[in-house]
Amino acid sequence: MADNAPVMGEPYEMVSVKKTTPPAGAEGSDWHGYVITQGHNTIHGCRKGTLAAVTNEVEEIVLRLNERRLHKRGRTHLVLKPKGPAAT
């Protein structure tokens, strides 16, 4: 296994949420950058909102990433009903 391969045994974790400058072309001044890690993987992002709101959103992202990592969701098999006679 390569050294930079994802480590599936390690959960995603929120490392930080800090006030930052807006991304290019973005409006407003209430922007926060965040960092999420999982083993050697690092996710950098930014969101608009208060520190508390962005922290809650990032915590939700981390929760969902860990759910996806641990539980593979089943696929839905769609069955299309046959079409009836064409309307005239």
Protein backbone atom coordinates (compact mmCIF):
# COMPACT_ATOMS: atom_id res chain seq x y z
CA MET A 1 0.00 0.00 0.00
CA ALA A 2 1.34 3.46 -0.86
CA ASP A 3 2.18 5.88 1.95
CA ASN A 4 -0.35 8.46 0.72
CA ALA A 5 -3.28 6.00 0.51
CA PRO A 6 -6.31 6.85 2.68
CA VAL A 7 -6.32 5.22 6.09
CA MET A 8 -9.82 3.81 6.40
CA GLY A 9 -9.42 3.04 10.10
CA GLU A 10 -9.04 6.70 11.04
CA PRO A 11 -12.12 8.92 11.34
CA TYR A 12 -12.50 12.37 9.83
CA GLU A 13 -11.85 15.13 12.35
CA MET A 14 -12.42 18.87 12.37
CA VAL A 15 -9.04 20.50 12.98
CA SER A 16 -9.94 24.19 12.88
CA VAL A 17 -12.44 26.86 11.91
CA LYS A 18 -11.00 30.38 11.63
CA LYS A 19 -12.09 33.75 10.26
CA THR A 20 -10.72 34.29 6.75
CA THR A 21 -10.94 36.64 3.80
CA PRO A 22 -13.74 36.01 1.29
CA PRO A 23 -12.94 33.86 -1.75
CA ALA A 24 -12.40 35.73 -5.01
CA GLY A 25 -15.69 37.10 -6.30
CA ALA A 26 -17.59 36.35 -3.08
CA GLU A 27 -19.64 38.97 -1.32
CA GLY A 28 -19.70 39.77 2.38
CA SER A 29 -17.07 39.70 5.05
CA ASP A 30 -18.28 36.98 7.43
CA TRP A 31 -16.23 34.08 6.02
CA HIS A 32 -14.52 31.25 7.88
CA GLY A 33 -12.01 28.72 6.60
CA TYR A 34 -12.02 25.18 7.95
CA VAL A 35 -9.73 22.17 7.93
CA ILE A 36 -10.87 18.54 8.17
CA THR A 37 -8.40 15.64 8.28
CA GLN A 38 -8.50 11.86 7.96
CA GLY A 39 -5.11 10.24 8.29
CA HIS A 40 -2.92 11.84 5.62
CA ASN A 41 -5.92 13.39 3.84
CA THR A 42 -6.71 17.06 4.42
CA ILE A 43 -9.80 18.96 3.30
CA HIS A 44 -9.68 22.77 3.23
CA GLY A 45 -12.87 24.72 2.69
CA CYS A 46 -14.59 27.95 3.46
CA ARG A 47 -18.12 28.98 4.33
CA LYS A 48 -19.98 32.19 4.97
CA GLY A 49 -21.59 32.70 8.36
CA THR A 50 -20.89 33.22 12.01
CA LEU A 51 -18.18 31.20 13.72
CA ALA A 52 -20.82 29.20 15.60
CA ALA A 53 -22.90 28.50 12.46
CA VAL A 54 -19.89 27.46 10.37
CA THR A 55 -18.56 25.28 13.20
CA ASN A 56 -21.94 23.51 13.40
CA GLU A 57 -21.99 23.01 9.62
CA VAL A 58 -18.45 21.59 9.59
CA GLU A 59 -19.31 19.26 12.49
CA GLU A 60 -22.26 18.01 10.40
CA ILE A 61 -19.96 17.49 7.39
CA VAL A 62 -17.55 15.47 9.55
CA LEU A 63 -20.42 13.40 10.96
CA ARG A 64 -21.71 12.58 7.47
CA LEU A 65 -18.24 11.78 6.13
CA ASN A 66 -17.71 9.33 8.99
CA GLU A 67 -21.14 7.76 8.42
CA ARG A 68 -20.30 7.24 4.74
CA ARG A 69 -16.90 5.82 5.66
CA LEU A 70 -18.36 3.27 8.07
CA HIS A 71 -21.66 2.36 6.43
CA LYS A 72 -22.04 1.71 2.76
CA ARG A 73 -25.52 2.67 1.75
CA GLY A 74 -27.46 0.23 -0.36
CA ARG A 75 -28.37 1.15 -3.88
CA THR A 76 -31.98 1.54 -4.81
CA HIS A 77 -33.11 -0.59 -7.70
CA LEU A 78 -35.70 1.33 -9.66
CA VAL A 79 -38.32 -0.65 -11.55
CA LEU A 80 -40.14 1.27 -14.23
CA LYS A 81 -43.74 0.36 -14.82
CA PRO A 82 -44.55 -0.52 -18.39
CA LYS A 83 -46.34 2.20 -20.26
CA GLY A 84 -49.97 1.60 -21.06
CA PRO A 85 -51.49 2.05 -24.50
CA ALA A 86 -50.67 5.39 -26.07
CA ALA A 87 -53.34 8.01 -25.57
CA THR A 88 -55.07 9.06 -28.77
